[in-house]
């Protein structure tokens, strides 16, 4: 997986990469919420389109974070299952 300043590509290979991806998404979500509800709120009626874009991007980041967290959890479950199978503690 590669995380550049402006793009995230590929599938994370380690928990650290998942954590890094989640941290990037958290920053995007925090900025979006600040722009939508905080002191940085875009309130000028002429900039309503910009505010709508912030809302859209924040929603996308929230959905992406949910997917990344779910994928991380599934990967951890898969590793646990593999470890159990290799240890012969359970016959699956």
PDB file of N, CA and C in Angstrom:
ATOM      1  N   UNK A   1       0.841  -1.173   0.000  1.00  0.00           N
ATOM      2  CA  UNK A   1       0.000   0.000   0.000  1.00  0.00           C
ATOM      3  C   UNK A   1       0.886   1.235   0.000  1.00  0.00           C
ATOM      4  N   UNK A   2       0.403   2.302  -0.617  1.00  0.00           N
ATOM      5  CA  UNK A   2       1.152   3.550  -0.595  1.00  0.00           C
ATOM      6  C   UNK A   2       0.235   4.680  -0.168  1.00  0.00           C
ATOM      7  N   UNK A   3       0.746   5.496   0.748  1.00  0.00           N
ATOM      8  CA  UNK A   3       0.005   6.669   1.198  1.00  0.00           C
ATOM      9  C   UNK A   3       0.852   7.880   0.859  1.00  0.00           C
ATOM     10  N   UNK A   4       0.437   8.592  -0.180  1.00  0.00           N
ATOM     11  CA  UNK A   4       1.106   9.831  -0.560  1.00  0.00           C
ATOM     12  C   UNK A   4       0.345  10.986   0.069  1.00  0.00           C
ATOM     13  N   UNK A   5       0.848  12.178  -0.122  1.00  0.00           N
ATOM     14  CA  UNK A   5       0.215  13.358   0.472  1.00  0.00           C
ATOM     15  C   UNK A   5      -1.221  13.543  -0.013  1.00  0.00           C
ATOM     16  N   UNK A   6      -1.481  13.160  -1.254  1.00  0.00           N
ATOM     17  CA  UNK A   6      -2.802  13.421  -1.817  1.00  0.00           C
ATOM     18  C   UNK A   6      -3.569  12.171  -2.254  1.00  0.00           C
ATOM     19  N   UNK A   7      -2.990  10.973  -2.083  1.00  0.00           N
ATOM     20  CA  UNK A   7      -3.692   9.761  -2.478  1.00  0.00           C
ATOM     21  C   UNK A   7      -3.367   8.604  -1.540  1.00  0.00           C
ATOM     22  N   UNK A   8      -4.295   7.679  -1.456  1.00  0.00           N
ATOM     23  CA  UNK A   8      -4.089   6.422  -0.739  1.00  0.00           C
ATOM     24  C   UNK A   8      -4.425   5.325  -1.733  1.00  0.00           C
ATOM     25  N   UNK A   9      -3.467   4.425  -1.981  1.00  0.00           N
ATOM     26  CA  UNK A   9      -3.692   3.379  -2.975  1.00  0.00           C
ATOM     27  C   UNK A   9      -3.313   2.028  -2.402  1.00  0.00           C
ATOM     28  N   UNK A  10      -4.020   1.010  -2.856  1.00  0.00           N
ATOM     29  CA  UNK A  10      -3.691  -0.348  -2.474  1.00  0.00           C
ATOM     30  C   UNK A  10      -4.351  -0.771  -1.178  1.00  0.00           C
ATOM     31  N   UNK A  11      -4.036  -1.990  -0.772  1.00  0.00           N
ATOM     32  CA  UNK A  11      -4.581  -2.553   0.451  1.00  0.00           C
ATOM     33  C   UNK A  11      -3.493  -2.549   1.515  1.00  0.00           C
ATOM     34  N   UNK A  12      -3.834  -2.113   2.722  1.00  0.00           N
ATOM     35  CA  UNK A  12      -2.825  -2.119   3.792  1.00  0.00           C
ATOM     36  C   UNK A  12      -2.346  -3.544   4.081  1.00  0.00           C
ATOM     37  N   UNK A  13      -1.062  -3.672   4.375  1.00  0.00           N
ATOM     38  CA  UNK A  13      -0.479  -4.983   4.676  1.00  0.00           C
ATOM     39  C   UNK A  13      -0.313  -5.204   6.166  1.00  0.00           C
ATOM     40  N   UNK A  14      -0.338  -4.136   6.936  1.00  0.00           N
ATOM     41  CA  UNK A  14      -0.100  -4.271   8.371  1.00  0.00           C
ATOM     42  C   UNK A  14      -1.066  -3.399   9.156  1.00  0.00           C
ATOM     43  N   UNK A  15      -1.137  -3.672  10.461  1.00  0.00           N
ATOM     44  CA  UNK A  15      -2.002  -2.886  11.338  1.00  0.00           C
ATOM     45  C   UNK A  15      -1.555  -1.428  11.362  1.00  0.00           C
ATOM     46  N   UNK A  16      -0.244  -1.190  11.257  1.00  0.00           N
ATOM     47  CA  UNK A  16       0.261   0.188  11.256  1.00  0.00           C
ATOM     48  C   UNK A  16      -0.250   0.960  10.044  1.00  0.00           C
ATOM     49  N   UNK A  17      -0.324   0.297   8.903  1.00  0.00           N
ATOM     50  CA  UNK A  17      -0.830   0.973   7.707  1.00  0.00           C
ATOM     51  C   UNK A  17      -2.322   1.269   7.846  1.00  0.00           C
ATOM     52  N   UNK A  18      -3.065   0.348   8.455  1.00  0.00           N
ATOM     53  CA  UNK A  18      -4.480   0.619   8.723  1.00  0.00           C
ATOM     54  C   UNK A  18      -4.610   1.819   9.661  1.00  0.00           C
ATOM     55  N   UNK A  19      -3.788   1.839  10.708  1.00  0.00           N
ATOM     56  CA  UNK A  19      -3.847   2.948  11.665  1.00  0.00           C
ATOM     57  C   UNK A  19      -3.510   4.277  10.994  1.00  0.00           C
ATOM     58  N   UNK A  20      -2.522   4.251  10.102  1.00  0.00           N
ATOM     59  CA  UNK A  20      -2.142   5.465   9.380  1.00  0.00           C
ATOM     60  C   UNK A  20      -3.285   5.936   8.476  1.00  0.00           C
ATOM     61  N   UNK A  21      -3.933   4.989   7.800  1.00  0.00           N
ATOM     62  CA  UNK A  21      -5.046   5.335   6.921  1.00  0.00           C
ATOM     63  C   UNK A  21      -6.201   5.917   7.738  1.00  0.00           C
ATOM     64  N   UNK A  22      -6.487   5.318   8.886  1.00  0.00           N
ATOM     65  CA  UNK A  22      -7.557   5.810   9.749  1.00  0.00           C
ATOM     66  C   UNK A  22      -7.220   7.205  10.267  1.00  0.00           C
ATOM     67  N   UNK A  23      -5.958   7.447  10.593  1.00  0.00           N
ATOM     68  CA  UNK A  23      -5.549   8.771  11.070  1.00  0.00           C
ATOM     69  C   UNK A  23      -5.753   9.835   9.984  1.00  0.00           C
ATOM     70  N   UNK A  24      -5.427   9.496   8.742  1.00  0.00           N
ATOM     71  CA  UNK A  24      -5.623  10.437   7.628  1.00  0.00           C
ATOM     72  C   UNK A  24      -7.114  10.732   7.454  1.00  0.00           C
ATOM     73  N   UNK A  25      -7.933   9.688   7.507  1.00  0.00           N
ATOM     74  CA  UNK A  25      -9.379   9.884   7.364  1.00  0.00           C
ATOM     75  C   UNK A  25      -9.940  10.695   8.531  1.00  0.00           C
ATOM     76  N   UNK A  26      -9.419  10.476   9.738  1.00  0.00           N
ATOM     77  CA  UNK A  26      -9.857  11.260  10.897  1.00  0.00           C
ATOM     78  C   UNK A  26      -9.571  12.746  10.699  1.00  0.00           C
ATOM     79  N   UNK A  27      -8.403  13.057  10.126  1.00  0.00           N
ATOM     80  CA  UNK A  27      -8.057  14.460   9.855  1.00  0.00           C
ATOM     81  C   UNK A  27      -9.027  15.070   8.842  1.00  0.00           C
ATOM     82  N   UNK A  28      -9.344  14.318   7.801  1.00  0.00           N
ATOM     83  CA  UNK A  28     -10.274  14.809   6.780  1.00  0.00           C
ATOM     84  C   UNK A  28     -11.646  15.047   7.398  1.00  0.00           C
ATOM     85  N   UNK A  29     -12.094  14.112   8.215  1.00  0.00           N
ATOM     86  CA  UNK A  29     -13.404  14.237   8.864  1.00  0.00           C
ATOM     87  C   UNK A  29     -13.415  15.434   9.805  1.00  0.00           C
ATOM     88  N   UNK A  30     -12.352  15.584  10.589  1.00  0.00           N
ATOM     89  CA  UNK A  30     -12.274  16.705  11.534  1.00  0.00           C
ATOM     90  C   UNK A  30     -12.317  18.047  10.813  1.00  0.00           C
ATOM     91  N   UNK A  31     -11.556  18.182   9.730  1.00  0.00           N
ATOM     92  CA  UNK A  31     -11.563  19.422   8.964  1.00  0.00           C
ATOM     93  C   UNK A  31     -12.945  19.678   8.363  1.00  0.00           C
ATOM     94  N   UNK A  32     -13.549  18.629   7.820  1.00  0.00           N
ATOM     95  CA  UNK A  32     -14.873  18.784   7.227  1.00  0.00           C
ATOM     96  C   UNK A  32     -15.905  19.218   8.248  1.00  0.00           C
ATOM     97  N   UNK A  33     -15.880  18.611   9.421  1.00  0.00           N
ATOM     98  CA  UNK A  33     -16.837  18.993  10.465  1.00  0.00           C
ATOM     99  C   UNK A  33     -16.582  20.417  10.956  1.00  0.00           C
ATOM    100  N   UNK A  34     -15.303  20.795  11.011  1.00  0.00           N
ATOM    101  CA  UNK A  34     -14.962  22.171  11.389  1.00  0.00           C
ATOM    102  C   UNK A  34     -15.534  23.155  10.380  1.00  0.00           C
ATOM    103  N   UNK A  35     -15.398  22.827   9.111  1.00  0.00           N
ATOM    104  CA  UNK A  35     -15.901  23.713   8.058  1.00  0.00           C
ATOM    105  C   UNK A  35     -17.428  23.739   8.002  1.00  0.00           C
ATOM    106  N   UNK A  36     -18.061  22.671   8.466  1.00  0.00           N
ATOM    107  CA  UNK A  36     -19.523  22.598   8.413  1.00  0.00           C
ATOM    108  C   UNK A  36     -20.194  23.144   9.670  1.00  0.00           C
ATOM    109  N   UNK A  37     -19.560  22.962  10.829  1.00  0.00           N
ATOM    110  CA  UNK A  37     -20.237  23.304  12.079  1.00  0.00           C
ATOM    111  C   UNK A  37     -19.438  24.202  13.002  1.00  0.00           C
ATOM    112  N   UNK A  38     -18.134  24.253  12.860  1.00  0.00           N
ATOM    113  CA  UNK A  38     -17.289  24.988  13.795  1.00  0.00           C
ATOM    114  C   UNK A  38     -17.116  26.443  13.431  1.00  0.00           C
ATOM    115  N   UNK A  39     -16.082  27.040  14.014  1.00  0.00           N
ATOM    116  CA  UNK A  39     -15.779  28.443  13.753  1.00  0.00           C
ATOM    117  C   UNK A  39     -15.383  28.681  12.302  1.00  0.00           C
ATOM    118  N   UNK A  40     -14.953  27.651  11.621  1.00  0.00           N
ATOM    119  CA  UNK A  40     -14.540  27.789  10.222  1.00  0.00           C
ATOM    120  C   UNK A  40     -15.677  27.583   9.249  1.00  0.00           C
ATOM    121  N   UNK A  41     -16.900  27.575   9.763  1.00  0.00           N
ATOM    122  CA  UNK A  41     -18.070  27.292   8.939  1.00  0.00           C
ATOM    123  C   UNK A  41     -18.173  28.246   7.756  1.00  0.00           C
ATOM    124  N   UNK A  42     -18.424  27.651   6.614  1.00  0.00           N
ATOM    125  CA  UNK A  42     -18.665  28.427   5.396  1.00  0.00           C
ATOM    126  C   UNK A  42     -20.109  28.917   5.490  1.00  0.00           C
ATOM    127  N   UNK A  43     -20.296  30.203   5.776  1.00  0.00           N
ATOM    128  CA  UNK A  43     -21.653  30.701   6.002  1.00  0.00           C
ATOM    129  C   UNK A  43     -22.119  31.707   4.954  1.00  0.00           C
ATOM    130  N   UNK A  44     -21.237  32.089   4.079  1.00  0.00           N
ATOM    131  CA  UNK A  44     -21.593  33.032   3.025  1.00  0.00           C
ATOM    132  C   UNK A  44     -22.521  32.340   2.019  1.00  0.00           C
ATOM    133  N   UNK A  45     -23.701  32.903   1.772  1.00  0.00           N
ATOM    134  CA  UNK A  45     -24.631  32.268   0.821  1.00  0.00           C
ATOM    135  C   UNK A  45     -24.012  32.043  -0.558  1.00  0.00           C
ATOM    136  N   UNK A  46     -23.084  32.890  -0.935  1.00  0.00           N
ATOM    137  CA  UNK A  46     -22.441  32.728  -2.241  1.00  0.00           C
ATOM    138  C   UNK A  46     -21.493  31.518  -2.242  1.00  0.00           C
ATOM    139  N   UNK A  47     -21.086  31.083  -1.064  1.00  0.00           N
ATOM    140  CA  UNK A  47     -20.182  29.943  -0.972  1.00  0.00           C
ATOM    141  C   UNK A  47     -20.917  28.662  -0.564  1.00  0.00           C
ATOM    142  N   UNK A  48     -22.216  28.659  -0.720  1.00  0.00           N
ATOM    143  CA  UNK A  48     -23.018  27.492  -0.336  1.00  0.00           C
ATOM    144  C   UNK A  48     -22.585  26.237  -1.097  1.00  0.00           C
ATOM    145  N   UNK A  49     -22.157  26.422  -2.324  1.00  0.00           N
ATOM    146  CA  UNK A  49     -21.688  25.267  -3.107  1.00  0.00           C
ATOM    147  C   UNK A  49     -20.431  24.672  -2.477  1.00  0.00           C
ATOM    148  N   UNK A  50     -19.535  25.509  -1.993  1.00  0.00           N
ATOM    149  CA  UNK A  50     -18.325  25.023  -1.319  1.00  0.00           C
ATOM    150  C   UNK A  50     -18.693  24.261  -0.047  1.00  0.00           C
ATOM    151  N   UNK A  51     -19.669  24.775   0.686  1.00  0.00           N
ATOM    152  CA  UNK A  51     -20.125  24.116   1.910  1.00  0.00           C
ATOM    153  C   UNK A  51     -20.716  22.745   1.572  1.00  0.00           C
ATOM    154  N   UNK A  52     -21.461  22.662   0.508  1.00  0.00           N
ATOM    155  CA  UNK A  52     -22.043  21.387   0.075  1.00  0.00           C
ATOM    156  C   UNK A  52     -20.943  20.391  -0.292  1.00  0.00           C
ATOM    157  N   UNK A  53     -19.879  20.871  -0.918  1.00  0.00           N
ATOM    158  CA  UNK A  53     -18.753  20.002  -1.268  1.00  0.00           C
ATOM    159  C   UNK A  53     -18.053  19.490  -0.010  1.00  0.00           C
ATOM    160  N   UNK A  54     -17.867  20.367   0.990  1.00  0.00           N
ATOM    161  CA  UNK A  54     -17.279  19.921   2.260  1.00  0.00           C
ATOM    162  C   UNK A  54     -18.147  18.837   2.885  1.00  0.00           C
ATOM    163  N   UNK A  55     -19.456  19.020   2.830  1.00  0.00           N
ATOM    164  CA  UNK A  55     -20.371  18.037   3.399  1.00  0.00           C
ATOM    165  C   UNK A  55     -20.242  16.703   2.660  1.00  0.00           C
ATOM    166  N   UNK A  56     -20.189  16.767   1.347  1.00  0.00           N
ATOM    167  CA  UNK A  56     -20.076  15.560   0.530  1.00  0.00           C
ATOM    168  C   UNK A  56     -18.770  14.821   0.823  1.00  0.00           C
ATOM    169  N   UNK A  57     -17.669  15.569   0.864  1.00  0.00           N
ATOM    170  CA  UNK A  57     -16.356  14.951   1.113  1.00  0.00           C
ATOM    171  C   UNK A  57     -16.264  14.384   2.530  1.00  0.00           C
ATOM    172  N   UNK A  58     -16.875  15.050   3.485  1.00  0.00           N
ATOM    173  CA  UNK A  58     -16.878  14.553   4.860  1.00  0.00           C
ATOM    174  C   UNK A  58     -17.667  13.248   4.945  1.00  0.00           C
ATOM    175  N   UNK A  59     -18.802  13.194   4.283  1.00  0.00           N
ATOM    176  CA  UNK A  59     -19.596  11.960   4.250  1.00  0.00           C
ATOM    177  C   UNK A  59     -18.805  10.823   3.603  1.00  0.00           C
ATOM    178  N   UNK A  60     -18.100  11.123   2.522  1.00  0.00           N
ATOM    179  CA  UNK A  60     -17.283  10.102   1.855  1.00  0.00           C
ATOM    180  C   UNK A  60     -16.183   9.597   2.777  1.00  0.00           C
ATOM    181  N   UNK A  61     -15.552  10.505   3.512  1.00  0.00           N
ATOM    182  CA  UNK A  61     -14.482  10.119   4.429  1.00  0.00           C
ATOM    183  C   UNK A  61     -15.024   9.246   5.561  1.00  0.00           C
ATOM    184  N   UNK A  62     -16.204   9.566   6.054  1.00  0.00           N
ATOM    185  CA  UNK A  62     -16.816   8.761   7.122  1.00  0.00           C
ATOM    186  C   UNK A  62     -17.113   7.349   6.606  1.00  0.00           C
ATOM    187  N   UNK A  63     -17.667   7.257   5.401  1.00  0.00           N
ATOM    188  CA  UNK A  63     -17.947   5.937   4.822  1.00  0.00           C
ATOM    189  C   UNK A  63     -16.650   5.163   4.595  1.00  0.00           C
ATOM    190  N   UNK A  64     -15.624   5.841   4.105  1.00  0.00           N
ATOM    191  CA  UNK A  64     -14.341   5.185   3.863  1.00  0.00           C
ATOM    192  C   UNK A  64     -13.730   4.698   5.175  1.00  0.00           C
ATOM    193  N   UNK A  65     -13.833   5.507   6.224  1.00  0.00           N
ATOM    194  CA  UNK A  65     -13.280   5.098   7.516  1.00  0.00           C
ATOM    195  C   UNK A  65     -14.000   3.856   8.035  1.00  0.00           C
ATOM    196  N   UNK A  66     -15.319   3.835   7.917  1.00  0.00           N
ATOM    197  CA  UNK A  66     -16.072   2.647   8.349  1.00  0.00           C
ATOM    198  C   UNK A  66     -15.597   1.407   7.603  1.00  0.00           C
ATOM    199  N   UNK A  67     -15.369   1.540   6.296  1.00  0.00           N
ATOM    200  CA  UNK A  67     -14.918   0.404   5.502  1.00  0.00           C
ATOM    201  C   UNK A  67     -13.515  -0.031   5.922  1.00  0.00           C
ATOM    202  N   UNK A  68     -12.626   0.919   6.155  1.00  0.00           N
ATOM    203  CA  UNK A  68     -11.255   0.591   6.559  1.00  0.00           C
ATOM    204  C   UNK A  68     -11.260  -0.115   7.915  1.00  0.00           C
ATOM    205  N   UNK A  69     -12.064   0.390   8.858  1.00  0.00           N
ATOM    206  CA  UNK A  69     -12.134  -0.236  10.180  1.00  0.00           C
ATOM    207  C   UNK A  69     -12.687  -1.665  10.050  1.00  0.00           C
ATOM    208  N   UNK A  70     -13.694  -1.838   9.215  1.00  0.00           N
ATOM    209  CA  UNK A  70     -14.275  -3.160   8.990  1.00  0.00           C
ATOM    210  C   UNK A  70     -13.244  -4.094   8.355  1.00  0.00           C
ATOM    211  N   UNK A  71     -12.530  -3.601   7.343  1.00  0.00           N
ATOM    212  CA  UNK A  71     -11.507  -4.412   6.680  1.00  0.00           C
ATOM    213  C   UNK A  71     -10.400  -4.806   7.647  1.00  0.00           C
ATOM    214  N   UNK A  72      -9.980  -3.871   8.496  1.00  0.00           N
ATOM    215  CA  UNK A  72      -8.935  -4.158   9.480  1.00  0.00           C
ATOM    216  C   UNK A  72      -9.406  -5.254  10.425  1.00  0.00           C
ATOM    217  N   UNK A  73     -10.650  -5.148  10.878  1.00  0.00           N
ATOM    218  CA  UNK A  73     -11.204  -6.142  11.797  1.00  0.00           C
ATOM    219  C   UNK A  73     -11.277  -7.520  11.132  1.00  0.00           C
ATOM    220  N   UNK A  74     -11.713  -7.559   9.873  1.00  0.00           N
ATOM    221  CA  UNK A  74     -11.782  -8.829   9.153  1.00  0.00           C
ATOM    222  C   UNK A  74     -10.397  -9.432   8.952  1.00  0.00           C
ATOM    223  N   UNK A  75      -9.410  -8.588   8.670  1.00  0.00           N
ATOM    224  CA  UNK A  75      -8.049  -9.088   8.491  1.00  0.00           C
ATOM    225  C   UNK A  75      -7.512  -9.657   9.805  1.00  0.00           C
ATOM    226  N   UNK A  76      -7.784  -8.982  10.909  1.00  0.00           N
ATOM    227  CA  UNK A  76      -7.357  -9.483  12.218  1.00  0.00           C
ATOM    228  C   UNK A  76      -8.034 -10.810  12.540  1.00  0.00           C
ATOM    229  N   UNK A  77      -9.322 -10.922  12.220  1.00  0.00           N
ATOM    230  CA  UNK A  77     -10.040 -12.179  12.456  1.00  0.00           C
ATOM    231  C   UNK A  77      -9.456 -13.302  11.606  1.00  0.00           C
ATOM    232  N   UNK A  78      -9.102 -12.996  10.368  1.00  0.00           N
ATOM    233  CA  UNK A  78      -8.493 -13.991   9.487  1.00  0.00           C
ATOM    234  C   UNK A  78      -7.157 -14.468  10.016  1.00  0.00           C
ATOM    235  N   UNK A  79      -6.351 -13.563  10.516  1.00  0.00           N
ATOM    236  CA  UNK A  79      -5.044 -13.947  11.078  1.00  0.00           C
ATOM    237  C   UNK A  79      -5.228 -14.806  12.323  1.00  0.00           C
ATOM    238  N   UNK A  80      -6.214 -14.446  13.145  1.00  0.00           N
ATOM    239  CA  UNK A  80      -6.490 -15.231  14.342  1.00  0.00           C
ATOM    240  C   UNK A  80      -6.926 -16.642  13.966  1.00  0.00           C
ATOM    241  N   UNK A  81      -7.795 -16.745  12.974  1.00  0.00           N
ATOM    242  CA  UNK A  81      -8.263 -18.044  12.513  1.00  0.00           C
ATOM    243  C   UNK A  81      -7.106 -18.879  11.961  1.00  0.00           C
ATOM    244  N   UNK A  82      -6.237 -18.262  11.176  1.00  0.00           N
ATOM    245  CA  UNK A  82      -5.080 -18.975  10.639  1.00  0.00           C
ATOM    246  C   UNK A  82      -4.178 -19.470  11.762  1.00  0.00           C
ATOM    247  N   UNK A  83      -3.963 -18.634  12.772  1.00  0.00           N
ATOM    248  CA  UNK A  83      -3.121 -19.029  13.898  1.00  0.00           C
ATOM    249  C   UNK A  83      -3.735 -20.206  14.651  1.00  0.00           C
ATOM    250  N   UNK A  84      -5.055 -20.188  14.821  1.00  0.00           N
ATOM    251  CA  UNK A  84      -5.729 -21.294  15.495  1.00  0.00           C
ATOM    252  C   UNK A  84      -5.626 -22.582  14.687  1.00  0.00           C
ATOM    253  N   UNK A  85      -5.771 -22.454  13.372  1.00  0.00           N
ATOM    254  CA  UNK A  85      -5.666 -23.638  12.517  1.00  0.00           C
ATOM    255  C   UNK A  85      -4.257 -24.213  12.549  1.00  0.00           C
ATOM    256  N   UNK A  86      -3.261 -23.349  12.550  1.00  0.00           N
ATOM    257  CA  UNK A  86      -1.855 -23.806  12.562  1.00  0.00           C
ATOM    258  C   UNK A  86      -1.468 -24.410  13.901  1.00  0.00           C
ATOM    259  N   UNK A  87      -2.094 -23.953  14.970  1.00  0.00           N
ATOM    260  CA  UNK A  87      -1.742 -24.464  16.296  1.00  0.00           C
ATOM    261  C   UNK A  87      -2.427 -25.797  16.597  1.00  0.00           C
ATOM    262  N   UNK A  88      -3.309 -26.246  15.739  1.00  0.00           N
ATOM    263  CA  UNK A  88      -4.037 -27.508  15.896  1.00  0.00           C
ATOM    264  C   UNK A  88      -4.842 -27.562  17.186  1.00  0.00           C
ATOM    265  N   UNK A  89      -5.193 -26.416  17.745  1.00  0.00           N
ATOM    266  CA  UNK A  89      -6.032 -26.397  18.950  1.00  0.00           C
ATOM    267  C   UNK A  89      -7.467 -26.715  18.583  1.00  0.00           C
ATOM    268  N   UNK A  90      -7.869 -26.306  17.414  1.00  0.00           N
ATOM    269  CA  UNK A  90      -9.224 -26.547  16.950  1.00  0.00           C
ATOM    270  C   UNK A  90      -9.158 -27.236  15.591  1.00  0.00           C
ATOM    271  N   UNK A  91     -10.009 -28.193  15.403  1.00  0.00           N
ATOM    272  CA  UNK A  91     -10.053 -28.884  14.114  1.00  0.00           C
ATOM    273  C   UNK A  91     -11.186 -28.279  13.302  1.00  0.00           C
ATOM    274  N   UNK A  92     -10.820 -27.402  12.361  1.00  0.00           N
ATOM    275  CA  UNK A  92     -11.829 -26.729  11.534  1.00  0.00           C
ATOM    276  C   UNK A  92     -11.826 -27.287  10.138  1.00  0.00           C
TER     277      UNK A  92
END
